[in-house]
Amino acid sequence: MRKQTVRYTTPLDALIAIAKRLGLNEGKYRIESEEFYHRYQEGEMGDDLEFMEWARDYRDYLNLRQEITDQLRDAA
């Protein structure tokens, strides 16, 4: 199965979509993304594709959140 690339209109749209995916994983595994990511970085979560995608989503979430924060600060 081939992955599709999704393009978002704004960074906020992307942040919302990623936050929804993070929430699904948090519910499925009963662990918050921040804790998961810390444990993943420590090598405690394994390297299943699903965990790699979750880690990527969390990194993207943090980067987008910072980008939006910077844009808001610059606009003020």
PDB file of N, CA and C in Angstrom:
ATOM      1  N   MET A   1       0.845  -1.170   0.000  1.00  0.00           N
ATOM      2  CA  MET A   1       0.000   0.000   0.000  1.00  0.00           C
ATOM      3  C   MET A   1       0.893   1.236   0.000  1.00  0.00           C
ATOM      4  N   ARG A   2       0.585   2.153  -0.844  1.00  0.00           N
ATOM      5  CA  ARG A   2       1.381   3.356  -1.000  1.00  0.00           C
ATOM      6  C   ARG A   2       0.835   4.472  -0.125  1.00  0.00           C
ATOM      7  N   LYS A   3       1.732   5.153   0.583  1.00  0.00           N
ATOM      8  CA  LYS A   3       1.327   6.275   1.434  1.00  0.00           C
ATOM      9  C   LYS A   3       1.031   7.495   0.577  1.00  0.00           C
ATOM     10  N   GLN A   4       0.037   8.244   0.987  1.00  0.00           N
ATOM     11  CA  GLN A   4      -0.304   9.478   0.302  1.00  0.00           C
ATOM     12  C   GLN A   4       0.308  10.651   1.055  1.00  0.00           C
ATOM     13  N   THR A   5       0.717  11.658   0.311  1.00  0.00           N
ATOM     14  CA  THR A   5       1.192  12.884   0.920  1.00  0.00           C
ATOM     15  C   THR A   5       0.009  13.827   1.027  1.00  0.00           C
ATOM     16  N   VAL A   6      -0.197  14.347   2.223  1.00  0.00           N
ATOM     17  CA  VAL A   6      -1.287  15.278   2.450  1.00  0.00           C
ATOM     18  C   VAL A   6      -0.694  16.669   2.603  1.00  0.00           C
ATOM     19  N   ARG A   7      -1.257  17.616   1.900  1.00  0.00           N
ATOM     20  CA  ARG A   7      -0.818  19.004   2.009  1.00  0.00           C
ATOM     21  C   ARG A   7      -1.908  19.789   2.725  1.00  0.00           C
ATOM     22  N   TYR A   8      -1.473  20.594   3.676  1.00  0.00           N
ATOM     23  CA  TYR A   8      -2.411  21.391   4.463  1.00  0.00           C
ATOM     24  C   TYR A   8      -2.319  22.849   4.048  1.00  0.00           C
ATOM     25  N   THR A   9      -3.426  23.548   4.192  1.00  0.00           N
ATOM     26  CA  THR A   9      -3.493  24.951   3.801  1.00  0.00           C
ATOM     27  C   THR A   9      -2.670  25.830   4.730  1.00  0.00           C
ATOM     28  N   THR A  10      -2.718  25.527   6.023  1.00  0.00           N
ATOM     29  CA  THR A  10      -1.993  26.335   7.007  1.00  0.00           C
ATOM     30  C   THR A  10      -1.289  25.426   8.001  1.00  0.00           C
ATOM     31  N   PRO A  11      -0.286  25.961   8.688  1.00  0.00           N
ATOM     32  CA  PRO A  11       0.350  25.169   9.743  1.00  0.00           C
ATOM     33  C   PRO A  11      -0.645  24.756  10.828  1.00  0.00           C
ATOM     34  N   LEU A  12      -1.639  25.591  11.096  1.00  0.00           N
ATOM     35  CA  LEU A  12      -2.641  25.242  12.106  1.00  0.00           C
ATOM     36  C   LEU A  12      -3.461  24.027  11.676  1.00  0.00           C
ATOM     37  N   ASP A  13      -3.830  23.953  10.402  1.00  0.00           N
ATOM     38  CA  ASP A  13      -4.550  22.779   9.898  1.00  0.00           C
ATOM     39  C   ASP A  13      -3.710  21.516  10.078  1.00  0.00           C
ATOM     40  N   ALA A  14      -2.434  21.623   9.788  1.00  0.00           N
ATOM     41  CA  ALA A  14      -1.532  20.475   9.948  1.00  0.00           C
ATOM     42  C   ALA A  14      -1.418  20.089  11.416  1.00  0.00           C
ATOM     43  N   LEU A  15      -1.305  21.079  12.290  1.00  0.00           N
ATOM     44  CA  LEU A  15      -1.191  20.812  13.727  1.00  0.00           C
ATOM     45  C   LEU A  15      -2.421  20.078  14.245  1.00  0.00           C
ATOM     46  N   ILE A  16      -3.588  20.498  13.812  1.00  0.00           N
ATOM     47  CA  ILE A  16      -4.830  19.859  14.247  1.00  0.00           C
ATOM     48  C   ILE A  16      -4.891  18.415  13.765  1.00  0.00           C
ATOM     49  N   ALA A  17      -4.526  18.172  12.523  1.00  0.00           N
ATOM     50  CA  ALA A  17      -4.546  16.808  11.981  1.00  0.00           C
ATOM     51  C   ALA A  17      -3.575  15.903  12.733  1.00  0.00           C
ATOM     52  N   ILE A  18      -2.385  16.428  13.005  1.00  0.00           N
ATOM     53  CA  ILE A  18      -1.396  15.632  13.732  1.00  0.00           C
ATOM     54  C   ILE A  18      -1.858  15.378  15.157  1.00  0.00           C
ATOM     55  N   ALA A  19      -2.432  16.384  15.795  1.00  0.00           N
ATOM     56  CA  ALA A  19      -2.925  16.220  17.164  1.00  0.00           C
ATOM     57  C   ALA A  19      -3.993  15.119  17.232  1.00  0.00           C
ATOM     58  N   LYS A  20      -4.825  15.028  16.215  1.00  0.00           N
ATOM     59  CA  LYS A  20      -5.837  13.967  16.179  1.00  0.00           C
ATOM     60  C   LYS A  20      -5.178  12.595  16.087  1.00  0.00           C
ATOM     61  N   ARG A  21      -4.148  12.462  15.243  1.00  0.00           N
ATOM     62  CA  ARG A  21      -3.437  11.179  15.134  1.00  0.00           C
ATOM     63  C   ARG A  21      -2.740  10.831  16.440  1.00  0.00           C
ATOM     64  N   LEU A  22      -2.145  11.832  17.084  1.00  0.00           N
ATOM     65  CA  LEU A  22      -1.499  11.583  18.364  1.00  0.00           C
ATOM     66  C   LEU A  22      -2.525  11.084  19.384  1.00  0.00           C
ATOM     67  N   GLY A  23      -3.682  11.705  19.388  1.00  0.00           N
ATOM     68  CA  GLY A  23      -4.735  11.293  20.318  1.00  0.00           C
ATOM     69  C   GLY A  23      -5.185   9.854  20.098  1.00  0.00           C
ATOM     70  N   LEU A  24      -5.258   9.446  18.853  1.00  0.00           N
ATOM     71  CA  LEU A  24      -5.632   8.058  18.558  1.00  0.00           C
ATOM     72  C   LEU A  24      -4.605   7.079  19.125  1.00  0.00           C
ATOM     73  N   ASN A  25      -3.328   7.394  18.938  1.00  0.00           N
ATOM     74  CA  ASN A  25      -2.285   6.524  19.482  1.00  0.00           C
ATOM     75  C   ASN A  25      -2.289   6.531  21.006  1.00  0.00           C
ATOM     76  N   GLU A  26      -2.511   7.695  21.590  1.00  0.00           N
ATOM     77  CA  GLU A  26      -2.544   7.782  23.046  1.00  0.00           C
ATOM     78  C   GLU A  26      -3.673   6.924  23.611  1.00  0.00           C
ATOM     79  N   GLY A  27      -4.814   6.949  22.961  1.00  0.00           N
ATOM     80  CA  GLY A  27      -5.931   6.117  23.407  1.00  0.00           C
ATOM     81  C   GLY A  27      -5.656   4.636  23.216  1.00  0.00           C
ATOM     82  N   LYS A  28      -5.073   4.301  22.095  1.00  0.00           N
ATOM     83  CA  LYS A  28      -4.797   2.897  21.786  1.00  0.00           C
ATOM     84  C   LYS A  28      -3.785   2.296  22.757  1.00  0.00           C
ATOM     85  N   TYR A  29      -2.732   3.045  23.052  1.00  0.00           N
ATOM     86  CA  TYR A  29      -1.653   2.515  23.891  1.00  0.00           C
ATOM     87  C   TYR A  29      -1.704   3.004  25.338  1.00  0.00           C
ATOM     88  N   ARG A  30      -2.662   3.872  25.628  1.00  0.00           N
ATOM     89  CA  ARG A  30      -2.858   4.393  26.982  1.00  0.00           C
ATOM     90  C   ARG A  30      -1.585   5.027  27.561  1.00  0.00           C
ATOM     91  N   ILE A  31      -0.971   5.865  26.739  1.00  0.00           N
ATOM     92  CA  ILE A  31       0.216   6.611  27.153  1.00  0.00           C
ATOM     93  C   ILE A  31       0.214   7.932  26.389  1.00  0.00           C
ATOM     94  N   GLU A  32       0.558   9.008  27.069  1.00  0.00           N
ATOM     95  CA  GLU A  32       0.603  10.303  26.404  1.00  0.00           C
ATOM     96  C   GLU A  32       1.788  10.361  25.450  1.00  0.00           C
ATOM     97  N   SER A  33       1.656  11.138  24.410  1.00  0.00           N
ATOM     98  CA  SER A  33       2.690  11.214  23.386  1.00  0.00           C
ATOM     99  C   SER A  33       4.029  11.679  23.943  1.00  0.00           C
ATOM    100  N   GLU A  34       4.003  12.608  24.872  1.00  0.00           N
ATOM    101  CA  GLU A  34       5.256  13.092  25.453  1.00  0.00           C
ATOM    102  C   GLU A  34       6.002  11.955  26.156  1.00  0.00           C
ATOM    103  N   GLU A  35       5.290  11.172  26.945  1.00  0.00           N
ATOM    104  CA  GLU A  35       5.902  10.034  27.640  1.00  0.00           C
ATOM    105  C   GLU A  35       6.340   8.963  26.643  1.00  0.00           C
ATOM    106  N   PHE A  36       5.472   8.682  25.662  1.00  0.00           N
ATOM    107  CA  PHE A  36       5.847   7.722  24.627  1.00  0.00           C
ATOM    108  C   PHE A  36       7.143   8.146  23.967  1.00  0.00           C
ATOM    109  N   TYR A  37       7.242   9.406  23.570  1.00  0.00           N
ATOM    110  CA  TYR A  37       8.404   9.882  22.826  1.00  0.00           C
ATOM    111  C   TYR A  37       9.674   9.763  23.667  1.00  0.00           C
ATOM    112  N   HIS A  38       9.560  10.112  24.938  1.00  0.00           N
ATOM    113  CA  HIS A  38      10.714   9.976  25.825  1.00  0.00           C
ATOM    114  C   HIS A  38      11.167   8.518  25.879  1.00  0.00           C
ATOM    115  N   ARG A  39      10.216   7.618  26.060  1.00  0.00           N
ATOM    116  CA  ARG A  39      10.550   6.191  26.127  1.00  0.00           C
ATOM    117  C   ARG A  39      11.051   5.673  24.778  1.00  0.00           C
ATOM    118  N   TYR A  40      10.495   6.173  23.700  1.00  0.00           N
ATOM    119  CA  TYR A  40      10.943   5.791  22.355  1.00  0.00           C
ATOM    120  C   TYR A  40      12.396   6.215  22.154  1.00  0.00           C
ATOM    121  N   GLN A  41      12.713   7.447  22.554  1.00  0.00           N
ATOM    122  CA  GLN A  41      14.079   7.953  22.426  1.00  0.00           C
ATOM    123  C   GLN A  41      15.067   7.127  23.257  1.00  0.00           C
ATOM    124  N   GLU A  42      14.588   6.589  24.359  1.00  0.00           N
ATOM    125  CA  GLU A  42      15.430   5.768  25.233  1.00  0.00           C
ATOM    126  C   GLU A  42      15.537   4.328  24.729  1.00  0.00           C
ATOM    127  N   GLY A  43      14.821   4.017  23.650  1.00  0.00           N
ATOM    128  CA  GLY A  43      14.880   2.672  23.079  1.00  0.00           C
ATOM    129  C   GLY A  43      13.971   1.668  23.761  1.00  0.00           C
ATOM    130  N   GLU A  44      13.018   2.146  24.542  1.00  0.00           N
ATOM    131  CA  GLU A  44      12.139   1.266  25.307  1.00  0.00           C
ATOM    132  C   GLU A  44      10.890   0.832  24.549  1.00  0.00           C
ATOM    133  N   MET A  45      10.619   1.423  23.400  1.00  0.00           N
ATOM    134  CA  MET A  45       9.360   1.150  22.704  1.00  0.00           C
ATOM    135  C   MET A  45       9.525   0.280  21.461  1.00  0.00           C
ATOM    136  N   GLY A  46      10.723  -0.033  21.088  1.00  0.00           N
ATOM    137  CA  GLY A  46      10.925  -0.837  19.893  1.00  0.00           C
ATOM    138  C   GLY A  46      10.910   0.021  18.644  1.00  0.00           C
ATOM    139  N   ASP A  47      10.971  -0.655  17.498  1.00  0.00           N
ATOM    140  CA  ASP A  47      11.041   0.088  16.244  1.00  0.00           C
ATOM    141  C   ASP A  47       9.979  -0.360  15.245  1.00  0.00           C
ATOM    142  N   ASP A  48       8.806  -0.702  15.761  1.00  0.00           N
ATOM    143  CA  ASP A  48       7.690  -1.010  14.869  1.00  0.00           C
ATOM    144  C   ASP A  48       7.363   0.214  14.021  1.00  0.00           C
ATOM    145  N   LEU A  49       6.892  -0.017  12.821  1.00  0.00           N
ATOM    146  CA  LEU A  49       6.549   1.082  11.916  1.00  0.00           C
ATOM    147  C   LEU A  49       5.568   2.047  12.574  1.00  0.00           C
ATOM    148  N   GLU A  50       4.584   1.526  13.265  1.00  0.00           N
ATOM    149  CA  GLU A  50       3.586   2.379  13.913  1.00  0.00           C
ATOM    150  C   GLU A  50       4.237   3.307  14.946  1.00  0.00           C
ATOM    151  N   PHE A  51       5.211   2.795  15.689  1.00  0.00           N
ATOM    152  CA  PHE A  51       5.905   3.626  16.675  1.00  0.00           C
ATOM    153  C   PHE A  51       6.797   4.663  15.995  1.00  0.00           C
ATOM    154  N   MET A  52       7.422   4.293  14.904  1.00  0.00           N
ATOM    155  CA  MET A  52       8.245   5.257  14.173  1.00  0.00           C
ATOM    156  C   MET A  52       7.379   6.395  13.629  1.00  0.00           C
ATOM    157  N   GLU A  53       6.186   6.050  13.128  1.00  0.00           N
ATOM    158  CA  GLU A  53       5.279   7.086  12.619  1.00  0.00           C
ATOM    159  C   GLU A  53       4.767   7.967  13.746  1.00  0.00           C
ATOM    160  N   TRP A  54       4.487   7.355  14.906  1.00  0.00           N
ATOM    161  CA  TRP A  54       4.029   8.126  16.060  1.00  0.00           C
ATOM    162  C   TRP A  54       5.130   9.095  16.494  1.00  0.00           C
ATOM    163  N   ALA A  55       6.358   8.628  16.554  1.00  0.00           N
ATOM    164  CA  ALA A  55       7.477   9.486  16.940  1.00  0.00           C
ATOM    165  C   ALA A  55       7.640  10.628  15.930  1.00  0.00           C
ATOM    166  N   ARG A  56       7.516  10.312  14.634  1.00  0.00           N
ATOM    167  CA  ARG A  56       7.608  11.350  13.614  1.00  0.00           C
ATOM    168  C   ARG A  56       6.494  12.380  13.780  1.00  0.00           C
ATOM    169  N   ASP A  57       5.273  11.880  14.017  1.00  0.00           N
ATOM    170  CA  ASP A  57       4.153  12.798  14.226  1.00  0.00           C
ATOM    171  C   ASP A  57       4.397  13.699  15.422  1.00  0.00           C
ATOM    172  N   TYR A  58       4.937  13.156  16.499  1.00  0.00           N
ATOM    173  CA  TYR A  58       5.175  13.969  17.692  1.00  0.00           C
ATOM    174  C   TYR A  58       6.240  15.030  17.419  1.00  0.00           C
ATOM    175  N   ARG A  59       7.315  14.661  16.715  1.00  0.00           N
ATOM    176  CA  ARG A  59       8.337  15.653  16.341  1.00  0.00           C
ATOM    177  C   ARG A  59       7.722  16.738  15.460  1.00  0.00           C
ATOM    178  N   ASP A  60       6.905  16.328  14.484  1.00  0.00           N
ATOM    179  CA  ASP A  60       6.238  17.305  13.609  1.00  0.00           C
ATOM    180  C   ASP A  60       5.318  18.214  14.417  1.00  0.00           C
ATOM    181  N   TYR A  61       4.603  17.632  15.370  1.00  0.00           N
ATOM    182  CA  TYR A  61       3.708  18.399  16.237  1.00  0.00           C
ATOM    183  C   TYR A  61       4.492  19.472  16.995  1.00  0.00           C
ATOM    184  N   LEU A  62       5.612  19.076  17.598  1.00  0.00           N
ATOM    185  CA  LEU A  62       6.422  20.033  18.355  1.00  0.00           C
ATOM    186  C   LEU A  62       6.956  21.141  17.452  1.00  0.00           C
ATOM    187  N   ASN A  63       7.426  20.767  16.261  1.00  0.00           N
ATOM    188  CA  ASN A  63       7.958  21.763  15.325  1.00  0.00           C
ATOM    189  C   ASN A  63       6.879  22.732  14.854  1.00  0.00           C
ATOM    190  N   LEU A  64       5.706  22.203  14.524  1.00  0.00           N
ATOM    191  CA  LEU A  64       4.609  23.062  14.075  1.00  0.00           C
ATOM    192  C   LEU A  64       4.129  23.982  15.191  1.00  0.00           C
ATOM    193  N   ARG A  65       4.047  23.447  16.386  1.00  0.00           N
ATOM    194  CA  ARG A  65       3.626  24.266  17.526  1.00  0.00           C
ATOM    195  C   ARG A  65       4.599  25.418  17.729  1.00  0.00           C
ATOM    196  N   GLN A  66       5.896  25.133  17.608  1.00  0.00           N
ATOM    197  CA  GLN A  66       6.902  26.185  17.750  1.00  0.00           C
ATOM    198  C   GLN A  66       6.794  27.201  16.613  1.00  0.00           C
ATOM    199  N   GLU A  67       6.574  26.716  15.396  1.00  0.00           N
ATOM    200  CA  GLU A  67       6.425  27.608  14.244  1.00  0.00           C
ATOM    201  C   GLU A  67       5.239  28.555  14.433  1.00  0.00           C
ATOM    202  N   ILE A  68       4.127  28.025  14.892  1.00  0.00           N
ATOM    203  CA  ILE A  68       2.929  28.844  15.102  1.00  0.00           C
ATOM    204  C   ILE A  68       3.180  29.849  16.225  1.00  0.00           C
ATOM    205  N   THR A  69       3.816  29.403  17.299  1.00  0.00           N
ATOM    206  CA  THR A  69       4.136  30.298  18.410  1.00  0.00           C
ATOM    207  C   THR A  69       5.025  31.445  17.940  1.00  0.00           C
ATOM    208  N   ASP A  70       6.036  31.122  17.139  1.00  0.00           N
ATOM    209  CA  ASP A  70       6.938  32.148  16.610  1.00  0.00           C
ATOM    210  C   ASP A  70       6.187  33.140  15.715  1.00  0.00           C
ATOM    211  N   GLN A  71       5.303  32.629  14.875  1.00  0.00           N
ATOM    212  CA  GLN A  71       4.530  33.503  13.985  1.00  0.00           C
ATOM    213  C   GLN A  71       3.634  34.444  14.796  1.00  0.00           C
ATOM    214  N   LEU A  72       3.012  33.920  15.833  1.00  0.00           N
ATOM    215  CA  LEU A  72       2.152  34.748  16.673  1.00  0.00           C
ATOM    216  C   LEU A  72       2.961  35.810  17.406  1.00  0.00           C
ATOM    217  N   ARG A  73       4.119  35.436  17.908  1.00  0.00           N
ATOM    218  CA  ARG A  73       4.988  36.389  18.604  1.00  0.00           C
ATOM    219  C   ARG A  73       5.453  37.480  17.644  1.00  0.00           C
ATOM    220  N   ASP A  74       5.813  37.102  16.431  1.00  0.00           N
ATOM    221  CA  ASP A  74       6.277  38.079  15.448  1.00  0.00           C
ATOM    222  C   ASP A  74       5.164  39.017  15.007  1.00  0.00           C
ATOM    223  N   ALA A  75       3.933  38.524  15.008  1.00  0.00           N
ATOM    224  CA  ALA A  75       2.799  39.347  14.586  1.00  0.00           C
ATOM    225  C   ALA A  75       2.371  40.339  15.670  1.00  0.00           C
ATOM    226  N   ALA A  76       2.739  40.051  16.900  1.00  0.00           N
ATOM    227  CA  ALA A  76       2.311  40.917  18.008  1.00  0.00           C
ATOM    228  C   ALA A  76       3.114  42.189  18.111  1.00  0.00           C
TER     229      ALA A  76
END
